Structures are given as C-alpha cells and as structure tokens.
C-alpha atoms as a PDB file:
ATOM      1  CA  MET A   1      46.506  74.573 158.502  1.00  0.00           C
ATOM      2  CA  ASN A   2      44.072  71.694 158.773  1.00  0.00           C
ATOM      3  CA  ASP A   3      45.510  68.868 161.003  1.00  0.00           C
ATOM      4  CA  THR A   4      47.017  66.214 159.382  1.00  0.00           C
ATOM      5  CA  THR A   5      47.744  62.547 160.909  1.00  0.00           C
ATOM      6  CA  ASN A   6      50.458  62.378 157.846  1.00  0.00           C
ATOM      7  CA  GLY A   7      52.146  66.015 158.131  1.00  0.00           C
ATOM      8  CA  TRP A   8      54.295  67.192 161.526  1.00  0.00           C
ATOM      9  CA  TYR A   9      52.074  70.028 162.143  1.00  0.00           C
ATOM     10  CA  SER A  10      49.189  69.564 164.632  1.00  0.00           C
ATOM     11  CA  SER A  11      47.143  72.608 166.505  1.00  0.00           C
ATOM     12  CA  GLU A  12      46.181  70.519 169.357  1.00  0.00           C
ATOM     13  CA  ASN A  13      49.967  69.830 170.011  1.00  0.00           C
ATOM     14  CA  ALA A  14      51.716  72.746 168.087  1.00  0.00           C
ATOM     15  CA  THR A  15      54.537  74.953 170.686  1.00  0.00           C
ATOM     16  CA  PHE A  16      54.721  78.591 169.714  1.00  0.00           C
ATOM     17  CA  GLY A  17      58.201  76.818 167.282  1.00  0.00           C
ATOM     18  CA  ASP A  18      55.785  75.111 165.838  1.00  0.00           C
ATOM     19  CA  ARG A  19      53.336  77.616 165.339  1.00  0.00           C
ATOM     20  CA  LEU A  20      55.971  79.936 164.116  1.00  0.00           C
ATOM     21  CA  ALA A  21      57.260  77.674 161.605  1.00  0.00           C
ATOM     22  CA  ALA A  22      54.042  77.038 160.184  1.00  0.00           C
ATOM     23  CA  ALA A  23      53.176  80.258 159.690  1.00  0.00           C
ATOM     24  CA  ARG A  24      56.449  81.311 158.287  1.00  0.00           C
ATOM     25  CA  GLU A  25      56.206  78.561 155.081  1.00  0.00           C
ATOM     26  CA  ALA A  26      52.465  79.469 154.924  1.00  0.00           C
ATOM     27  CA  ALA A  27      53.727  82.613 154.312  1.00  0.00           C
ATOM     28  CA  GLY A  28      56.403  81.524 151.589  1.00  0.00           C
ATOM     29  CA  MET A  29      59.504  81.850 152.988  1.00  0.00           C
ATOM     30  CA  ASP A  30      62.190  80.408 154.729  1.00  0.00           C
ATOM     31  CA  GLN A  31      64.253  81.315 157.799  1.00  0.00           C
ATOM     32  CA  ALA A  32      66.929  83.486 155.950  1.00  0.00           C
ATOM     33  CA  THR A  33      63.948  85.896 154.195  1.00  0.00           C
ATOM     34  CA  LEU A  34      62.223  85.980 157.641  1.00  0.00           C
ATOM     35  CA  ALA A  35      65.243  86.594 159.638  1.00  0.00           C
ATOM     36  CA  LYS A  36      65.984  89.354 157.170  1.00  0.00           C
ATOM     37  CA  ARG A  37      62.858  90.826 157.800  1.00  0.00           C
ATOM     38  CA  LEU A  38      62.860  91.110 161.006  1.00  0.00           C
ATOM     39  CA  GLY A  39      66.441  92.753 161.091  1.00  0.00           C
ATOM     40  CA  LEU A  40      68.272  89.313 163.110  1.00  0.00           C
ATOM     41  CA  LYS A  41      70.156  86.240 162.913  1.00  0.00           C
ATOM     42  CA  VAL A  42      68.818  83.099 161.387  1.00  0.00           C
ATOM     43  CA  LYS A  43      70.156  81.651 164.339  1.00  0.00           C
ATOM     44  CA  THR A  44      68.254  83.398 166.802  1.00  0.00           C
ATOM     45  CA  LEU A  45      65.263  82.709 164.659  1.00  0.00           C
ATOM     46  CA  GLU A  46      66.199  79.120 164.418  1.00  0.00           C
ATOM     47  CA  THR A  47      66.428  79.322 168.623  1.00  0.00           C
ATOM     48  CA  TRP A  48      62.436  80.899 168.411  1.00  0.00           C
ATOM     49  CA  GLU A  49      61.485  77.838 166.242  1.00  0.00           C
ATOM     50  CA  ASN A  50      63.420  75.098 168.063  1.00  0.00           C
ATOM     51  CA  ASP A  51      61.310  76.455 171.666  1.00  0.00           C
ATOM     52  CA  LEU A  52      64.532  77.114 172.826  1.00  0.00           C
ATOM     53  CA  THR A  53      63.663  80.868 173.258  1.00  0.00           C
ATOM     54  CA  GLU A  54      61.495  83.152 172.648  1.00  0.00           C
ATOM     55  CA  PRO A  55      60.840  86.472 171.365  1.00  0.00           C
ATOM     56  CA  ARG A  56      60.441  89.788 173.417  1.00  0.00           C
ATOM     57  CA  ALA A  57      57.265  91.664 172.530  1.00  0.00           C
ATOM     58  CA  ASN A  58      57.917  94.166 170.137  1.00  0.00           C
ATOM     59  CA  ARG A  59      59.764  91.110 167.954  1.00  0.00           C
ATOM     60  CA  LEU A  60      56.325  89.214 168.863  1.00  0.00           C
ATOM     61  CA  GLN A  61      54.507  92.179 167.326  1.00  0.00           C
ATOM     62  CA  MET A  62      56.675  92.442 163.726  1.00  0.00           C
ATOM     63  CA  LEU A  63      56.153  88.774 163.626  1.00  0.00           C
ATOM     64  CA  ALA A  64      52.676  88.925 163.872  1.00  0.00           C
ATOM     65  CA  GLY A  65      52.297  91.519 161.573  1.00  0.00           C
ATOM     66  CA  ILE A  66      54.775  89.925 158.776  1.00  0.00           C
ATOM     67  CA  LEU A  67      52.970  86.342 158.740  1.00  0.00           C
ATOM     68  CA  ASN A  68      49.774  87.907 159.128  1.00  0.00           C
ATOM     69  CA  VAL A  69      48.962  86.007 161.984  1.00  0.00           C
ATOM     70  CA  SER A  70      47.385  86.814 164.856  1.00  0.00           C
ATOM     71  CA  MET A  71      49.974  87.388 168.032  1.00  0.00           C
ATOM     72  CA  VAL A  72      47.319  85.103 170.268  1.00  0.00           C
ATOM     73  CA  TRP A  73      47.481  82.573 168.087  1.00  0.00           C
ATOM     74  CA  LEU A  74      51.219  82.994 167.945  1.00  0.00           C
ATOM     75  CA  ILE A  75      51.331  82.517 171.512  1.00  0.00           C
ATOM     76  CA  THR A  76      48.589  80.304 172.364  1.00  0.00           C
ATOM     77  CA  GLY A  77      47.198  78.236 169.422  1.00  0.00           C
ATOM     78  CA  GLU A  78      43.845  79.953 170.095  1.00  0.00           C
ATOM     79  CA  GLY A  79      41.737  82.389 168.090  1.00  0.00           C
ATOM     80  CA  ALA A  80      42.182  82.757 163.970  1.00  0.00           C
ATOM     81  CA  ASP A  81      45.408  81.040 162.601  1.00  0.00           C
ATOM     82  CA  GLY A  82      45.555  83.451 159.679  1.00  0.00           C
ATOM     83  CA  VAL A  83      47.308  80.021 158.249  1.00  0.00           C
ATOM     84  CA  SER A  84      44.561  78.043 156.567  1.00  0.00           C
ATOM     85  CA  GLU A  85      43.838  76.230 153.360  1.00  0.00           C
ATOM     86  CA  PRO A  86      44.628  79.669 150.014  1.00  0.00           C
ATOM     87  CA  GLU A  87      41.450  81.151 149.261  1.00  0.00           C
ATOM     88  CA  GLU A  88      39.771  79.625 145.693  1.00  0.00           C
ATOM     89  CA  ASP A  89      41.442  83.082 144.002  1.00  0.00           C
ATOM     90  CA  PRO A  90      45.303  83.403 145.612  1.00  0.00           C
ATOM     91  CA  ILE A  91      47.041  86.355 144.994  1.00  0.00           C
ATOM     92  CA  SER A  92      49.936  86.082 143.040  1.00  0.00           C
ATOM     93  CA  PRO A  93      53.633  86.075 144.309  1.00  0.00           C
ATOM     94  CA  ASP A  94      54.549  89.360 143.697  1.00  0.00           C
ATOM     95  CA  VAL A  95      51.255  90.876 145.194  1.00  0.00           C
ATOM     96  CA  ASN A  96      52.188  88.911 148.207  1.00  0.00           C
ATOM     97  CA  GLU A  97      55.509  89.843 148.105  1.00  0.00           C
ATOM     98  CA  VAL A  98      54.647  93.616 148.449  1.00  0.00           C
ATOM     99  CA  LEU A  99      51.772  93.004 151.089  1.00  0.00           C
ATOM    100  CA  MET A 100      54.204  91.276 153.280  1.00  0.00           C
ATOM    101  CA  GLU A 101      56.735  93.494 153.043  1.00  0.00           C
ATOM    102  CA  LEU A 102      53.727  96.065 153.804  1.00  0.00           C
ATOM    103  CA  ARG A 103      52.771  94.245 157.222  1.00  0.00           C
ATOM    104  CA  GLY A 104      56.342  94.370 158.127  1.00  0.00           C
ATOM    105  CA  LEU A 105      56.737  97.739 157.481  1.00  0.00           C
ATOM    106  CA  ARG A 106      53.638  98.715 159.478  1.00  0.00           C
ATOM    107  CA  ALA A 107      54.989  95.748 162.519  1.00  0.00           C
ATOM    108  CA  GLN A 108      58.060  97.877 162.430  1.00  0.00           C
ATOM    109  CA  PHE A 109      56.408 101.429 162.865  1.00  0.00           C
ATOM    110  CA  LEU A 110      54.461 100.253 165.522  1.00  0.00           C
ATOM    111  CA  SER A 111      56.854  98.895 167.422  1.00  0.00           C
ATOM    112  CA  ARG A 112      59.254 102.289 166.773  1.00  0.00           C
ATOM    113  CA  ALA A 113      55.858 104.678 167.614  1.00  0.00           C
ATOM    114  CA  GLU A 114      56.062 102.470 171.462  1.00  0.00           C
ATOM    115  CA  ARG A 115      60.006 102.807 171.549  1.00  0.00           C
ATOM    116  CA  LEU A 116      59.258 106.380 170.977  1.00  0.00           C
ATOM    117  CA  GLY A 117      56.503 106.201 173.681  1.00  0.00           C
ATOM    118  CA  ARG A 118      58.779 104.899 176.327  1.00  0.00           C
ATOM    119  CA  LEU A 119      61.743 107.679 175.456  1.00  0.00           C
ATOM    120  CA  GLU A 120      59.459 110.678 175.706  1.00  0.00           C
ATOM    121  CA  LYS A 121      58.398 109.268 179.440  1.00  0.00           C
ATOM    122  CA  LYS A 122      61.676 108.909 179.778  1.00  0.00           C
ATOM    123  CA  LEU A 123      62.631 112.582 178.852  1.00  0.00           C
ATOM    124  CA  ARG A 124      59.821 113.863 181.081  1.00  0.00           C
ATOM    125  CA  LEU A 125      60.856 112.009 183.990  1.00  0.00           C
ATOM    126  CA  LEU A 126      64.230 113.255 183.532  1.00  0.00           C
ATOM    127  CA  LEU A 127      63.041 116.870 183.012  1.00  0.00           C
ATOM    128  CA  LYS A 128      60.917 116.388 186.174  1.00  0.00           C
ATOM    129  CA  GLU A 129      64.189 115.703 188.119  1.00  0.00           C
ATOM    130  CA  GLU A 130      65.955 118.389 187.085  1.00  0.00           C
ATOM    131  CA  GLY A 131      62.975 121.094 187.492  1.00  0.00           C
END
C-alpha cells in the first residue's frame, strides 16, 4: 500500500493493528469475514486491530496466510507488505475468494501440524516417565 498524506495508513507510523487492518482491507475482507475464517470472535479481531492485544503465534501464522502477507511484515512492518497496488491483470473476486480460502486452510494445516508435533512430544515424555 502506498503511503499517502490524505489516507490514514502510513507505513512509517503503522502499528501491528494498522498493518493488520490494511492487509485485511487490501484482501477485500471485513472484520466479520476474517474473524470467521480464523474461528474467533469479531471482538477479538477488533482488539488486535486497535492494538489492545496481539494474537498468539499460531493465529499470527494463520493471519499471514489468509491475508497473503509475511509474518515479519505483519509484526515489524519490514519487508514486502503484500498489500501493494493491484497488478495490471487483477484476478476476479471469485478466484481471489478461493485463493484466500486455500491460504487459510494452509495456515490451519500448519497450525494443526505444529499442535500434533507438540502432542506427540508430550506423549513421548509421558511414556518415558511411565517406562
């Protein structure tokens, strides 16, 4: 997204919440849609966008995937933002919706894989203690 003197968003002064809101808007989503895709309440998303709280790592990873931005940019504002001006040949809203859903599923799969790994490690430790 380009810095503008007329707009509310400026990459130099943006907070995590500002970047999250900008990425969400660039993806063409309202808060309710993004909250639903993340499986959380709109109020939770509002607190993130208002910089009152921040998401945990697994939600942050899901956010980056769904919004097609890097986690580094979302956290620090450094690097490619993924919310730049549209390309010359933009994709249709229907195709974009499918891509967004795929990215969300990918983020969910990664999160579940991490959870599975943690549970497996915990089970191994428990079995080791019993044996």
